[in-house]
Amino acid sequence: MNYKIMLSNSLKAAINELKEINNITCTQYHIHIYPDTSEKELSRLSSKDLYYKTAFLKGKYELKTFTIEETAKIFSPPMGLPLWMEMSLLSHKESEMHIKLKISIRFRKPKDLHNKETSHPPIRVL
């Protein structure tokens, strides 16, 4: 199963929903990744989660923007997928939009996610 393609399609669907909600017709997307570091249940974090939490806290993804394909690649195995994602609009111009993708710092294998039917993390559009 190609999780990168599935996640890419899920991101595209969520972006289309975001565009519809905000009545936007942009064709270029810049995704800003924001880890939710408020998840304080460290006892529930695996060692893999702590590694990625550290990468996020060190600013590895800070101030960078990603395409849909780059975002899907970041969260494709072996890294695993965030337990959840929330997508919202940061800003937009005529041809481009900046998207905030808030993610869980807890990562799971695709088979362990909430949305077992489609093997991708739930992406909630705000």
PDB file of N, CA and C in Angstrom:
ATOM      1  N   MET A   1       0.850  -1.183   0.000  1.00  0.00           N
ATOM      2  CA  MET A   1       0.000   0.000   0.000  1.00  0.00           C
ATOM      3  C   MET A   1       0.891   1.241   0.000  1.00  0.00           C
ATOM      4  N   ASN A   2       0.627   2.181  -0.881  1.00  0.00           N
ATOM      5  CA  ASN A   2       1.442   3.388  -0.977  1.00  0.00           C
ATOM      6  C   ASN A   2       0.825   4.494  -0.116  1.00  0.00           C
ATOM      7  N   TYR A   3       1.351   4.637   1.103  1.00  0.00           N
ATOM      8  CA  TYR A   3       0.808   5.604   2.053  1.00  0.00           C
ATOM      9  C   TYR A   3       1.079   7.036   1.631  1.00  0.00           C
ATOM     10  N   LYS A   4       2.166   7.256   0.894  1.00  0.00           N
ATOM     11  CA  LYS A   4       2.481   8.599   0.424  1.00  0.00           C
ATOM     12  C   LYS A   4       1.386   9.103  -0.515  1.00  0.00           C
ATOM     13  N   ILE A   5       0.937   8.258  -1.430  1.00  0.00           N
ATOM     14  CA  ILE A   5      -0.135   8.642  -2.360  1.00  0.00           C
ATOM     15  C   ILE A   5      -1.445   8.847  -1.610  1.00  0.00           C
ATOM     16  N   MET A   6      -1.727   7.957  -0.656  1.00  0.00           N
ATOM     17  CA  MET A   6      -2.979   8.085   0.112  1.00  0.00           C
ATOM     18  C   MET A   6      -2.987   9.376   0.928  1.00  0.00           C
ATOM     19  N   LEU A   7      -1.862   9.694   1.576  1.00  0.00           N
ATOM     20  CA  LEU A   7      -1.800  10.923   2.362  1.00  0.00           C
ATOM     21  C   LEU A   7      -1.862  12.143   1.453  1.00  0.00           C
ATOM     22  N   SER A   8      -1.205  12.084   0.318  1.00  0.00           N
ATOM     23  CA  SER A   8      -1.244  13.178  -0.649  1.00  0.00           C
ATOM     24  C   SER A   8      -2.684  13.438  -1.100  1.00  0.00           C
ATOM     25  N   ASN A   9      -3.415  12.373  -1.402  1.00  0.00           N
ATOM     26  CA  ASN A   9      -4.820  12.522  -1.809  1.00  0.00           C
ATOM     27  C   ASN A   9      -5.676  13.072  -0.677  1.00  0.00           C
ATOM     28  N   SER A  10      -5.395  12.660   0.554  1.00  0.00           N
ATOM     29  CA  SER A  10      -6.137  13.171   1.714  1.00  0.00           C
ATOM     30  C   SER A  10      -5.861  14.658   1.924  1.00  0.00           C
ATOM     31  N   LEU A  11      -4.610  15.064   1.761  1.00  0.00           N
ATOM     32  CA  LEU A  11      -4.265  16.483   1.878  1.00  0.00           C
ATOM     33  C   LEU A  11      -4.951  17.303   0.794  1.00  0.00           C
ATOM     34  N   LYS A  12      -4.975  16.783  -0.438  1.00  0.00           N
ATOM     35  CA  LYS A  12      -5.648  17.486  -1.544  1.00  0.00           C
ATOM     36  C   LYS A  12      -7.132  17.641  -1.259  1.00  0.00           C
ATOM     37  N   ALA A  13      -7.758  16.599  -0.752  1.00  0.00           N
ATOM     38  CA  ALA A  13      -9.184  16.665  -0.431  1.00  0.00           C
ATOM     39  C   ALA A  13      -9.448  17.696   0.669  1.00  0.00           C
ATOM     40  N   ALA A  14      -8.591  17.719   1.683  1.00  0.00           N
ATOM     41  CA  ALA A  14      -8.750  18.688   2.776  1.00  0.00           C
ATOM     42  C   ALA A  14      -8.526  20.112   2.263  1.00  0.00           C
ATOM     43  N   ILE A  15      -7.547  20.302   1.378  1.00  0.00           N
ATOM     44  CA  ILE A  15      -7.300  21.629   0.799  1.00  0.00           C
ATOM     45  C   ILE A  15      -8.488  22.078  -0.032  1.00  0.00           C
ATOM     46  N   ASN A  16      -9.079  21.170  -0.798  1.00  0.00           N
ATOM     47  CA  ASN A  16     -10.269  21.522  -1.584  1.00  0.00           C
ATOM     48  C   ASN A  16     -11.421  21.931  -0.681  1.00  0.00           C
ATOM     49  N   GLU A  17     -11.577  21.243   0.444  1.00  0.00           N
ATOM     50  CA  GLU A  17     -12.613  21.623   1.413  1.00  0.00           C
ATOM     51  C   GLU A  17     -12.325  23.003   1.999  1.00  0.00           C
ATOM     52  N   LEU A  18     -11.061  23.265   2.322  1.00  0.00           N
ATOM     53  CA  LEU A  18     -10.652  24.567   2.854  1.00  0.00           C
ATOM     54  C   LEU A  18     -10.912  25.674   1.829  1.00  0.00           C
ATOM     55  N   LYS A  19     -10.607  25.403   0.569  1.00  0.00           N
ATOM     56  CA  LYS A  19     -10.849  26.381  -0.498  1.00  0.00           C
ATOM     57  C   LYS A  19     -12.345  26.663  -0.640  1.00  0.00           C
ATOM     58  N   GLU A  20     -13.158  25.623  -0.565  1.00  0.00           N
ATOM     59  CA  GLU A  20     -14.601  25.791  -0.693  1.00  0.00           C
ATOM     60  C   GLU A  20     -15.176  26.605   0.466  1.00  0.00           C
ATOM     61  N   ILE A  21     -14.734  26.299   1.671  1.00  0.00           N
ATOM     62  CA  ILE A  21     -15.214  27.018   2.859  1.00  0.00           C
ATOM     63  C   ILE A  21     -14.894  28.509   2.762  1.00  0.00           C
ATOM     64  N   ASN A  22     -13.693  28.826   2.249  1.00  0.00           N
ATOM     65  CA  ASN A  22     -13.228  30.208   2.188  1.00  0.00           C
ATOM     66  C   ASN A  22     -13.434  30.870   0.823  1.00  0.00           C
ATOM     67  N   ASN A  23     -14.088  30.153  -0.091  1.00  0.00           N
ATOM     68  CA  ASN A  23     -14.380  30.672  -1.433  1.00  0.00           C
ATOM     69  C   ASN A  23     -13.101  31.171  -2.125  1.00  0.00           C
ATOM     70  N   ILE A  24     -12.111  30.277  -2.216  1.00  0.00           N
ATOM     71  CA  ILE A  24     -10.804  30.591  -2.788  1.00  0.00           C
ATOM     72  C   ILE A  24     -10.582  29.709  -4.014  1.00  0.00           C
ATOM     73  N   THR A  25      -9.911  30.265  -5.022  1.00  0.00           N
ATOM     74  CA  THR A  25      -9.635  29.495  -6.236  1.00  0.00           C
ATOM     75  C   THR A  25      -8.138  29.336  -6.499  1.00  0.00           C
ATOM     76  N   CYS A  26      -7.313  29.426  -5.495  1.00  0.00           N
ATOM     77  CA  CYS A  26      -5.857  29.333  -5.652  1.00  0.00           C
ATOM     78  C   CYS A  26      -5.435  27.968  -6.204  1.00  0.00           C
ATOM     79  N   THR A  27      -4.277  27.961  -6.849  1.00  0.00           N
ATOM     80  CA  THR A  27      -3.748  26.710  -7.388  1.00  0.00           C
ATOM     81  C   THR A  27      -2.375  26.360  -6.835  1.00  0.00           C
ATOM     82  N   GLN A  28      -1.762  27.251  -6.078  1.00  0.00           N
ATOM     83  CA  GLN A  28      -0.473  26.981  -5.447  1.00  0.00           C
ATOM     84  C   GLN A  28      -0.673  26.961  -3.943  1.00  0.00           C
ATOM     85  N   TYR A  29      -0.083  25.942  -3.306  1.00  0.00           N
ATOM     86  CA  TYR A  29      -0.292  25.756  -1.877  1.00  0.00           C
ATOM     87  C   TYR A  29       1.051  25.701  -1.162  1.00  0.00           C
ATOM     88  N   HIS A  30       1.142  26.421  -0.059  1.00  0.00           N
ATOM     89  CA  HIS A  30       2.325  26.426   0.790  1.00  0.00           C
ATOM     90  C   HIS A  30       1.881  25.963   2.176  1.00  0.00           C
ATOM     91  N   ILE A  31       2.359  24.806   2.565  1.00  0.00           N
ATOM     92  CA  ILE A  31       1.935  24.211   3.830  1.00  0.00           C
ATOM     93  C   ILE A  31       2.980  24.503   4.906  1.00  0.00           C
ATOM     94  N   HIS A  32       2.509  25.077   6.008  1.00  0.00           N
ATOM     95  CA  HIS A  32       3.346  25.365   7.171  1.00  0.00           C
ATOM     96  C   HIS A  32       2.988  24.339   8.244  1.00  0.00           C
ATOM     97  N   ILE A  33       3.975  23.605   8.716  1.00  0.00           N
ATOM     98  CA  ILE A  33       3.733  22.549   9.703  1.00  0.00           C
ATOM     99  C   ILE A  33       3.952  23.104  11.111  1.00  0.00           C
ATOM    100  N   TYR A  34       2.917  22.930  11.945  1.00  0.00           N
ATOM    101  CA  TYR A  34       2.969  23.387  13.332  1.00  0.00           C
ATOM    102  C   TYR A  34       2.715  22.189  14.248  1.00  0.00           C
ATOM    103  N   PRO A  35       3.747  21.682  14.914  1.00  0.00           N
ATOM    104  CA  PRO A  35       3.516  20.574  15.850  1.00  0.00           C
ATOM    105  C   PRO A  35       2.798  21.084  17.095  1.00  0.00           C
ATOM    106  N   ASP A  36       1.864  20.288  17.590  1.00  0.00           N
ATOM    107  CA  ASP A  36       1.151  20.646  18.811  1.00  0.00           C
ATOM    108  C   ASP A  36       1.977  20.163  19.992  1.00  0.00           C
ATOM    109  N   THR A  37       2.790  21.049  20.514  1.00  0.00           N
ATOM    110  CA  THR A  37       3.675  20.674  21.624  1.00  0.00           C
ATOM    111  C   THR A  37       2.955  20.745  22.968  1.00  0.00           C
ATOM    112  N   SER A  38       1.661  20.982  22.957  1.00  0.00           N
ATOM    113  CA  SER A  38       0.921  21.031  24.212  1.00  0.00           C
ATOM    114  C   SER A  38       0.497  19.641  24.673  1.00  0.00           C
ATOM    115  N   GLU A  39       0.731  18.627  23.852  1.00  0.00           N
ATOM    116  CA  GLU A  39       0.393  17.266  24.264  1.00  0.00           C
ATOM    117  C   GLU A  39       1.359  16.858  25.362  1.00  0.00           C
ATOM    118  N   LYS A  40       0.892  16.907  26.581  1.00  0.00           N
ATOM    119  CA  LYS A  40       1.784  16.757  27.730  1.00  0.00           C
ATOM    120  C   LYS A  40       1.867  15.328  28.262  1.00  0.00           C
ATOM    121  N   GLU A  41       1.137  14.436  27.686  1.00  0.00           N
ATOM    122  CA  GLU A  41       1.143  13.064  28.157  1.00  0.00           C
ATOM    123  C   GLU A  41       2.416  12.352  27.697  1.00  0.00           C
ATOM    124  N   LEU A  42       3.565  12.782  28.220  1.00  0.00           N
ATOM    125  CA  LEU A  42       4.839  12.211  27.787  1.00  0.00           C
ATOM    126  C   LEU A  42       4.934  10.721  28.073  1.00  0.00           C
ATOM    127  N   SER A  43       4.220  10.261  29.092  1.00  0.00           N
ATOM    128  CA  SER A  43       4.258   8.837  29.392  1.00  0.00           C
ATOM    129  C   SER A  43       3.634   8.021  28.268  1.00  0.00           C
ATOM    130  N   ARG A  44       2.800   8.669  27.445  1.00  0.00           N
ATOM    131  CA  ARG A  44       2.157   7.973  26.334  1.00  0.00           C
ATOM    132  C   ARG A  44       2.969   8.069  25.048  1.00  0.00           C
ATOM    133  N   LEU A  45       4.029   8.859  25.046  1.00  0.00           N
ATOM    134  CA  LEU A  45       4.844   9.020  23.853  1.00  0.00           C
ATOM    135  C   LEU A  45       5.869   7.899  23.762  1.00  0.00           C
ATOM    136  N   SER A  46       5.975   7.322  22.586  1.00  0.00           N
ATOM    137  CA  SER A  46       6.987   6.292  22.380  1.00  0.00           C
ATOM    138  C   SER A  46       8.343   6.957  22.150  1.00  0.00           C
ATOM    139  N   SER A  47       9.406   6.168  22.134  1.00  0.00           N
ATOM    140  CA  SER A  47      10.734   6.730  21.887  1.00  0.00           C
ATOM    141  C   SER A  47      10.789   7.363  20.498  1.00  0.00           C
ATOM    142  N   LYS A  48      10.088   6.783  19.536  1.00  0.00           N
ATOM    143  CA  LYS A  48      10.042   7.347  18.181  1.00  0.00           C
ATOM    144  C   LYS A  48       9.363   8.720  18.226  1.00  0.00           C
ATOM    145  N   ASP A  49       8.284   8.837  18.988  1.00  0.00           N
ATOM    146  CA  ASP A  49       7.596  10.115  19.124  1.00  0.00           C
ATOM    147  C   ASP A  49       8.519  11.164  19.726  1.00  0.00           C
ATOM    148  N   LEU A  50       9.271  10.782  20.740  1.00  0.00           N
ATOM    149  CA  LEU A  50      10.172  11.735  21.388  1.00  0.00           C
ATOM    150  C   LEU A  50      11.255  12.208  20.430  1.00  0.00           C
ATOM    151  N   TYR A  51      11.726  11.324  19.566  1.00  0.00           N
ATOM    152  CA  TYR A  51      12.730  11.717  18.571  1.00  0.00           C
ATOM    153  C   TYR A  51      12.157  12.798  17.657  1.00  0.00           C
ATOM    154  N   TYR A  52      10.958  12.593  17.159  1.00  0.00           N
ATOM    155  CA  TYR A  52      10.371  13.558  16.245  1.00  0.00           C
ATOM    156  C   TYR A  52       9.931  14.824  16.983  1.00  0.00           C
ATOM    157  N   LYS A  53       9.489  14.680  18.224  1.00  0.00           N
ATOM    158  CA  LYS A  53       9.141  15.865  19.008  1.00  0.00           C
ATOM    159  C   LYS A  53      10.374  16.743  19.150  1.00  0.00           C
ATOM    160  N   THR A  54      11.517  16.119  19.417  1.00  0.00           N
ATOM    161  CA  THR A  54      12.763  16.867  19.538  1.00  0.00           C
ATOM    162  C   THR A  54      13.094  17.573  18.225  1.00  0.00           C
ATOM    163  N   ALA A  55      12.923  16.890  17.099  1.00  0.00           N
ATOM    164  CA  ALA A  55      13.192  17.506  15.796  1.00  0.00           C
ATOM    165  C   ALA A  55      12.292  18.719  15.588  1.00  0.00           C
ATOM    166  N   PHE A  56      11.028  18.607  15.972  1.00  0.00           N
ATOM    167  CA  PHE A  56      10.114  19.738  15.819  1.00  0.00           C
ATOM    168  C   PHE A  56      10.488  20.867  16.757  1.00  0.00           C
ATOM    169  N   LEU A  57      10.843  20.531  17.992  1.00  0.00           N
ATOM    170  CA  LEU A  57      11.177  21.570  18.956  1.00  0.00           C
ATOM    171  C   LEU A  57      12.469  22.288  18.601  1.00  0.00           C
ATOM    172  N   LYS A  58      13.360  21.627  17.912  1.00  0.00           N
ATOM    173  CA  LYS A  58      14.610  22.261  17.484  1.00  0.00           C
ATOM    174  C   LYS A  58      14.393  23.138  16.250  1.00  0.00           C
ATOM    175  N   GLY A  59      13.181  23.186  15.756  1.00  0.00           N
ATOM    176  CA  GLY A  59      12.878  24.073  14.642  1.00  0.00           C
ATOM    177  C   GLY A  59      13.206  23.522  13.272  1.00  0.00           C
ATOM    178  N   LYS A  60      13.315  22.209  13.165  1.00  0.00           N
ATOM    179  CA  LYS A  60      13.663  21.606  11.880  1.00  0.00           C
ATOM    180  C   LYS A  60      12.679  22.013  10.776  1.00  0.00           C
ATOM    181  N   TYR A  61      11.404  22.158  11.125  1.00  0.00           N
ATOM    182  CA  TYR A  61      10.385  22.491  10.136  1.00  0.00           C
ATOM    183  C   TYR A  61       9.913  23.935  10.233  1.00  0.00           C
ATOM    184  N   GLU A  62      10.416  24.647  11.223  1.00  0.00           N
ATOM    185  CA  GLU A  62      10.002  26.020  11.455  1.00  0.00           C
ATOM    186  C   GLU A  62      10.437  26.930  10.305  1.00  0.00           C
ATOM    187  N   LEU A  63       9.605  27.842   9.942  1.00  0.00           N
ATOM    188  CA  LEU A  63       9.870  28.831   8.896  1.00  0.00           C
ATOM    189  C   LEU A  63      10.036  28.226   7.502  1.00  0.00           C
ATOM    190  N   LYS A  64       9.681  26.969   7.332  1.00  0.00           N
ATOM    191  CA  LYS A  64       9.744  26.342   6.015  1.00  0.00           C
ATOM    192  C   LYS A  64       8.329  26.096   5.533  1.00  0.00           C
ATOM    193  N   THR A  65       8.173  26.107   4.227  1.00  0.00           N
ATOM    194  CA  THR A  65       6.889  25.733   3.663  1.00  0.00           C
ATOM    195  C   THR A  65       7.098  24.516   2.775  1.00  0.00           C
ATOM    196  N   PHE A  66       6.044  23.751   2.637  1.00  0.00           N
ATOM    197  CA  PHE A  66       6.121  22.501   1.900  1.00  0.00           C
ATOM    198  C   PHE A  66       4.977  22.395   0.906  1.00  0.00           C
ATOM    199  N   THR A  67       5.221  21.665  -0.170  1.00  0.00           N
ATOM    200  CA  THR A  67       4.159  21.345  -1.117  1.00  0.00           C
ATOM    201  C   THR A  67       3.367  20.161  -0.559  1.00  0.00           C
ATOM    202  N   ILE A  68       2.289  19.808  -1.230  1.00  0.00           N
ATOM    203  CA  ILE A  68       1.508  18.640  -0.812  1.00  0.00           C
ATOM    204  C   ILE A  68       2.380  17.390  -0.851  1.00  0.00           C
ATOM    205  N   GLU A  69       3.116  17.226  -1.939  1.00  0.00           N
ATOM    206  CA  GLU A  69       3.940  16.033  -2.101  1.00  0.00           C
ATOM    207  C   GLU A  69       5.051  15.970  -1.050  1.00  0.00           C
ATOM    208  N   GLU A  70       5.673  17.102  -0.742  1.00  0.00           N
ATOM    209  CA  GLU A  70       6.723  17.129   0.284  1.00  0.00           C
ATOM    210  C   GLU A  70       6.150  16.791   1.656  1.00  0.00           C
ATOM    211  N   THR A  71       4.970  17.306   1.946  1.00  0.00           N
ATOM    212  CA  THR A  71       4.326  17.022   3.233  1.00  0.00           C
ATOM    213  C   THR A  71       4.009  15.536   3.337  1.00  0.00           C
ATOM    214  N   ALA A  72       3.477  14.972   2.267  1.00  0.00           N
ATOM    215  CA  ALA A  72       3.168  13.536   2.268  1.00  0.00           C
ATOM    216  C   ALA A  72       4.439  12.712   2.446  1.00  0.00           C
ATOM    217  N   LYS A  73       5.523  13.149   1.834  1.00  0.00           N
ATOM    218  CA  LYS A  73       6.790  12.415   1.945  1.00  0.00           C
ATOM    219  C   LYS A  73       7.328  12.464   3.372  1.00  0.00           C
ATOM    220  N   ILE A  74       7.214  13.626   4.030  1.00  0.00           N
ATOM    221  CA  ILE A  74       7.701  13.771   5.403  1.00  0.00           C
ATOM    222  C   ILE A  74       7.020  12.756   6.319  1.00  0.00           C
ATOM    223  N   PHE A  75       5.711  12.581   6.144  1.00  0.00           N
ATOM    224  CA  PHE A  75       4.950  11.740   7.062  1.00  0.00           C
ATOM    225  C   PHE A  75       4.674  10.344   6.537  1.00  0.00           C
ATOM    226  N   SER A  76       5.377   9.934   5.496  1.00  0.00           N
ATOM    227  CA  SER A  76       5.227   8.572   4.999  1.00  0.00           C
ATOM    228  C   SER A  76       6.174   7.658   5.757  1.00  0.00           C
ATOM    229  N   PRO A  77       5.842   6.370   5.830  1.00  0.00           N
ATOM    230  CA  PRO A  77       6.745   5.438   6.509  1.00  0.00           C
ATOM    231  C   PRO A  77       8.151   5.557   5.946  1.00  0.00           C
ATOM    232  N   PRO A  78       9.186   5.375   6.763  1.00  0.00           N
ATOM    233  CA  PRO A  78       9.157   4.738   8.077  1.00  0.00           C
ATOM    234  C   PRO A  78       8.815   5.675   9.224  1.00  0.00           C
ATOM    235  N   MET A  79       8.691   6.997   8.978  1.00  0.00           N
ATOM    236  CA  MET A  79       8.421   7.913  10.073  1.00  0.00           C
ATOM    237  C   MET A  79       7.092   7.600  10.740  1.00  0.00           C
ATOM    238  N   GLY A  80       6.106   7.275   9.982  1.00  0.00           N
ATOM    239  CA  GLY A  80       4.777   7.086  10.521  1.00  0.00           C
ATOM    240  C   GLY A  80       3.968   8.351  10.346  1.00  0.00           C
ATOM    241  N   LEU A  81       2.711   8.287  10.660  1.00  0.00           N
ATOM    242  CA  LEU A  81       1.797   9.400  10.436  1.00  0.00           C
ATOM    243  C   LEU A  81       1.361  10.010  11.760  1.00  0.00           C
ATOM    244  N   PRO A  82       1.160  11.343  11.778  1.00  0.00           N
ATOM    245  CA  PRO A  82       0.653  11.963  13.002  1.00  0.00           C
ATOM    246  C   PRO A  82      -0.698  11.359  13.371  1.00  0.00           C
ATOM    247  N   LEU A  83      -0.958  11.283  14.648  1.00  0.00           N
ATOM    248  CA  LEU A  83      -2.218  10.725  15.123  1.00  0.00           C
ATOM    249  C   LEU A  83      -3.400  11.540  14.612  1.00  0.00           C
ATOM    250  N   TRP A  84      -3.229  12.849  14.494  1.00  0.00           N
ATOM    251  CA  TRP A  84      -4.269  13.731  13.941  1.00  0.00           C
ATOM    252  C   TRP A  84      -3.623  14.943  13.296  1.00  0.00           C
ATOM    253  N   MET A  85      -4.397  15.617  12.419  1.00  0.00           N
ATOM    254  CA  MET A  85      -3.965  16.855  11.764  1.00  0.00           C
ATOM    255  C   MET A  85      -5.151  17.805  11.707  1.00  0.00           C
ATOM    256  N   GLU A  86      -4.876  19.095  11.890  1.00  0.00           N
ATOM    257  CA  GLU A  86      -5.891  20.136  11.729  1.00  0.00           C
ATOM    258  C   GLU A  86      -5.387  21.135  10.701  1.00  0.00           C
ATOM    259  N   MET A  87      -6.203  21.419   9.715  1.00  0.00           N
ATOM    260  CA  MET A  87      -5.805  22.312   8.634  1.00  0.00           C
ATOM    261  C   MET A  87      -6.633  23.590   8.694  1.00  0.00           C
ATOM    262  N   SER A  88      -5.955  24.731   8.566  1.00  0.00           N
ATOM    263  CA  SER A  88      -6.661  26.007   8.526  1.00  0.00           C
ATOM    264  C   SER A  88      -5.915  26.958   7.589  1.00  0.00           C
ATOM    265  N   LEU A  89      -6.590  28.020   7.215  1.00  0.00           N
ATOM    266  CA  LEU A  89      -6.035  29.003   6.284  1.00  0.00           C
ATOM    267  C   LEU A  89      -5.222  30.041   7.052  1.00  0.00           C
ATOM    268  N   LEU A  90      -3.984  30.255   6.621  1.00  0.00           N
ATOM    269  CA  LEU A  90      -3.166  31.333   7.186  1.00  0.00           C
ATOM    270  C   LEU A  90      -3.382  32.615   6.396  1.00  0.00           C
ATOM    271  N   SER A  91      -3.225  32.527   5.058  1.00  0.00           N
ATOM    272  CA  SER A  91      -3.416  33.690   4.195  1.00  0.00           C
ATOM    273  C   SER A  91      -3.576  33.209   2.756  1.00  0.00           C
ATOM    274  N   HIS A  92      -4.032  34.119   1.894  1.00  0.00           N
ATOM    275  CA  HIS A  92      -4.119  33.780   0.485  1.00  0.00           C
ATOM    276  C   HIS A  92      -4.022  35.031  -0.363  1.00  0.00           C
ATOM    277  N   LYS A  93      -3.542  34.832  -1.592  1.00  0.00           N
ATOM    278  CA  LYS A  93      -3.489  35.874  -2.617  1.00  0.00           C
ATOM    279  C   LYS A  93      -4.217  35.315  -3.823  1.00  0.00           C
ATOM    280  N   GLU A  94      -4.092  35.963  -4.953  1.00  0.00           N
ATOM    281  CA  GLU A  94      -4.812  35.509  -6.139  1.00  0.00           C
ATOM    282  C   GLU A  94      -4.518  34.074  -6.514  1.00  0.00           C
ATOM    283  N   SER A  95      -3.230  33.704  -6.581  1.00  0.00           N
ATOM    284  CA  SER A  95      -2.894  32.380  -7.091  1.00  0.00           C
ATOM    285  C   SER A  95      -2.310  31.427  -6.051  1.00  0.00           C
ATOM    286  N   GLU A  96      -2.114  31.876  -4.835  1.00  0.00           N
ATOM    287  CA  GLU A  96      -1.498  31.008  -3.831  1.00  0.00           C
ATOM    288  C   GLU A  96      -2.135  31.169  -2.466  1.00  0.00           C
ATOM    289  N   MET A  97      -2.039  30.103  -1.688  1.00  0.00           N
ATOM    290  CA  MET A  97      -2.551  30.160  -0.323  1.00  0.00           C
ATOM    291  C   MET A  97      -1.547  29.508   0.621  1.00  0.00           C
ATOM    292  N   HIS A  98      -1.495  30.053   1.832  1.00  0.00           N
ATOM    293  CA  HIS A  98      -0.636  29.520   2.882  1.00  0.00           C
ATOM    294  C   HIS A  98      -1.537  28.803   3.880  1.00  0.00           C
ATOM    295  N   ILE A  99      -1.182  27.566   4.153  1.00  0.00           N
ATOM    296  CA  ILE A  99      -2.017  26.676   4.952  1.00  0.00           C
ATOM    297  C   ILE A  99      -1.289  26.299   6.232  1.00  0.00           C
ATOM    298  N   LYS A 100      -2.000  26.370   7.343  1.00  0.00           N
ATOM    299  CA  LYS A 100      -1.459  25.931   8.626  1.00  0.00           C
ATOM    300  C   LYS A 100      -1.884  24.481   8.829  1.00  0.00           C
ATOM    301  N   LEU A 101      -0.908  23.612   9.019  1.00  0.00           N
ATOM    302  CA  LEU A 101      -1.185  22.210   9.291  1.00  0.00           C
ATOM    303  C   LEU A 101      -0.681  21.894  10.687  1.00  0.00           C
ATOM    304  N   LYS A 102      -1.596  21.926  11.643  1.00  0.00           N
ATOM    305  CA  LYS A 102      -1.247  21.621  13.027  1.00  0.00           C
ATOM    306  C   LYS A 102      -1.322  20.106  13.174  1.00  0.00           C
ATOM    307  N   ILE A 103      -0.259  19.530  13.737  1.00  0.00           N
ATOM    308  CA  ILE A 103      -0.193  18.073  13.818  1.00  0.00           C
ATOM    309  C   ILE A 103       0.076  17.603  15.236  1.00  0.00           C
ATOM    310  N   SER A 104      -0.344  16.387  15.494  1.00  0.00           N
ATOM    311  CA  SER A 104      -0.014  15.724  16.747  1.00  0.00           C
ATOM    312  C   SER A 104       1.470  15.400  16.746  1.00  0.00           C
ATOM    313  N   ILE A 105       2.081  15.429  17.914  1.00  0.00           N
ATOM    314  CA  ILE A 105       3.481  15.009  18.008  1.00  0.00           C
ATOM    315  C   ILE A 105       3.565  13.516  18.298  1.00  0.00           C
ATOM    316  N   ARG A 106       2.417  12.881  18.353  1.00  0.00           N
ATOM    317  CA  ARG A 106       2.384  11.429  18.512  1.00  0.00           C
ATOM    318  C   ARG A 106       2.233  10.813  17.130  1.00  0.00           C
ATOM    319  N   PHE A 107       3.089   9.879  16.818  1.00  0.00           N
ATOM    320  CA  PHE A 107       3.090   9.246  15.506  1.00  0.00           C
ATOM    321  C   PHE A 107       2.750   7.774  15.650  1.00  0.00           C
ATOM    322  N   ARG A 108       2.068   7.251  14.649  1.00  0.00           N
ATOM    323  CA  ARG A 108       1.680   5.852  14.648  1.00  0.00           C
ATOM    324  C   ARG A 108       1.930   5.240  13.299  1.00  0.00           C
ATOM    325  N   LYS A 109       2.049   3.933  13.303  1.00  0.00           N
ATOM    326  CA  LYS A 109       2.098   3.211  12.042  1.00  0.00           C
ATOM    327  C   LYS A 109       0.720   3.333  11.412  1.00  0.00           C
ATOM    328  N   PRO A 110       0.632   3.342  10.104  1.00  0.00           N
ATOM    329  CA  PRO A 110      -0.680   3.494   9.462  1.00  0.00           C
ATOM    330  C   PRO A 110      -1.725   2.495   9.950  1.00  0.00           C
ATOM    331  N   LYS A 111      -1.318   1.288  10.310  1.00  0.00           N
ATOM    332  CA  LYS A 111      -2.301   0.295  10.759  1.00  0.00           C
ATOM    333  C   LYS A 111      -2.852   0.609  12.151  1.00  0.00           C
ATOM    334  N   ASP A 112      -2.210   1.502  12.900  1.00  0.00           N
ATOM    335  CA  ASP A 112      -2.633   1.816  14.261  1.00  0.00           C
ATOM    336  C   ASP A 112      -3.428   3.112  14.378  1.00  0.00           C
ATOM    337  N   LEU A 113      -3.806   3.705  13.270  1.00  0.00           N
ATOM    338  CA  LEU A 113      -4.482   4.998  13.314  1.00  0.00           C
ATOM    339  C   LEU A 113      -5.973   4.856  13.550  1.00  0.00           C
ATOM    340  N   HIS A 114      -6.585   5.980  13.913  1.00  0.00           N
ATOM    341  CA  HIS A 114      -8.030   6.006  14.145  1.00  0.00           C
ATOM    342  C   HIS A 114      -8.799   5.619  12.889  1.00  0.00           C
ATOM    343  N   ASN A 115      -8.408   6.174  11.752  1.00  0.00           N
ATOM    344  CA  ASN A 115      -9.162   5.992  10.528  1.00  0.00           C
ATOM    345  C   ASN A 115      -8.651   4.753   9.794  1.00  0.00           C
ATOM    346  N   LYS A 116      -9.042   3.594  10.272  1.00  0.00           N
ATOM    347  CA  LYS A 116      -8.506   2.346   9.746  1.00  0.00           C
ATOM    348  C   LYS A 116      -9.030   2.015   8.349  1.00  0.00           C
ATOM    349  N   GLU A 117     -10.190   2.548   7.980  1.00  0.00           N
ATOM    350  CA  GLU A 117     -10.754   2.226   6.664  1.00  0.00           C
ATOM    351  C   GLU A 117      -9.886   2.765   5.534  1.00  0.00           C
ATOM    352  N   THR A 118      -9.333   3.968   5.706  1.00  0.00           N
ATOM    353  CA  THR A 118      -8.577   4.597   4.628  1.00  0.00           C
ATOM    354  C   THR A 118      -7.080   4.660   4.903  1.00  0.00           C
ATOM    355  N   SER A 119      -6.642   4.187   6.039  1.00  0.00           N
ATOM    356  CA  SER A 119      -5.224   4.129   6.417  1.00  0.00           C
ATOM    357  C   SER A 119      -4.524   5.482   6.420  1.00  0.00           C
ATOM    358  N   HIS A 120      -5.228   6.554   6.711  1.00  0.00           N
ATOM    359  CA  HIS A 120      -4.578   7.858   6.847  1.00  0.00           C
ATOM    360  C   HIS A 120      -5.120   8.546   8.087  1.00  0.00           C
ATOM    361  N   PRO A 121      -4.356   9.497   8.623  1.00  0.00           N
ATOM    362  CA  PRO A 121      -4.826  10.178   9.821  1.00  0.00           C
ATOM    363  C   PRO A 121      -5.991  11.099   9.482  1.00  0.00           C
ATOM    364  N   PRO A 122      -6.868  11.266  10.416  1.00  0.00           N
ATOM    365  CA  PRO A 122      -7.960  12.194  10.165  1.00  0.00           C
ATOM    366  C   PRO A 122      -7.403  13.620   9.994  1.00  0.00           C
ATOM    367  N   ILE A 123      -7.842  14.295   8.963  1.00  0.00           N
ATOM    368  CA  ILE A 123      -7.448  15.689   8.736  1.00  0.00           C
ATOM    369  C   ILE A 123      -8.708  16.510   8.921  1.00  0.00           C
ATOM    370  N   ARG A 124      -8.725  17.302   9.956  1.00  0.00           N
ATOM    371  CA  ARG A 124      -9.892  18.138  10.236  1.00  0.00           C
ATOM    372  C   ARG A 124      -9.643  19.536   9.665  1.00  0.00           C
ATOM    373  N   VAL A 125     -10.573  20.002   8.869  1.00  0.00           N
ATOM    374  CA  VAL A 125     -10.465  21.340   8.276  1.00  0.00           C
ATOM    375  C   VAL A 125     -11.211  22.311   9.174  1.00  0.00           C
ATOM    376  N   LEU A 126     -10.506  23.358   9.567  1.00  0.00           N
ATOM    377  CA  LEU A 126     -11.098  24.381  10.456  1.00  0.00           C
ATOM    378  C   LEU A 126     -11.501  25.617   9.681  1.00  0.00           C
TER     379      LEU A 126
END
